[in-house]
Amino acid sequence: MGINLNNYGYDNVPAAESGEEPTYLPPDGYICRICHAEFALTKSEKRMLVLQLDIAEGDFAGYFTNRYNRNKKFKSDAKWPNPAIYRQMILDSAGKISSYFKGLLTCIQKSNKQFLLNQNNFSASDLRGLKCGFVFAQEEYQKRDNSIATLCVVKFPKNVDDILDGNFTVPPLKQLSPQSQPTTDFSPLNGAPIDNFDTPF
């Protein structure tokens, strides 16, 4: 007995491309491009800078753009891959510019000689299209079936010259603690320490 494929929305489903093994990003330092930058608020209304990154050079150039476009085929509201989103608090606990935030902007300035930081009217959009080095490392995460897997996520910025010269250290695998609660299939916040559960997403 045959199956009427049209009853199950055959024409509305994208065809998956099979036959190729998935490529996984290894832990390392990469020259990245800032594809999108914006200000966001945490749940406690603390302001932070959010960067969407992609690998700009080398064998993995376009890695996250390709992943995003692949996901869009199957889910129209797909988001930028969370492992390539870098979040940085702007102010410290005293209400002054965070040294981590200034460190990030300093890395961006050193990586883009033509970039002039407008301290009087800084806009997140000023960073779009600029290059910066970032170090990616592996973290364990708990899948929805409670099994443990690893994911390579962005950890911290470096200037482009440091990446090219190998002047960086990849952090060791971050393991889940035995007390860890189930999480999503993506990494926790990166950048400077942020209060627990104080995220905008």
Foldseek 3Di string as FASTA:
>chain_A
DDDDVVVVVPVLADDDDDDDDDDADAFAKAKKAFADKAWDAWPVGFIKIKTQIAGCDDPCGCVQVVVQVNVCNGPVPGDRAQLRMAIEGQADPVRHGDPLVVVVVVLQCLQDVPQDADPPDGGGRSRHGTIWMWTWEKEWAAEPVRDIDIHIHTAGTHHPVCRVVVVDDGDHYHYDDPPDDHDYPHDDHHTPDDPPSGGRD
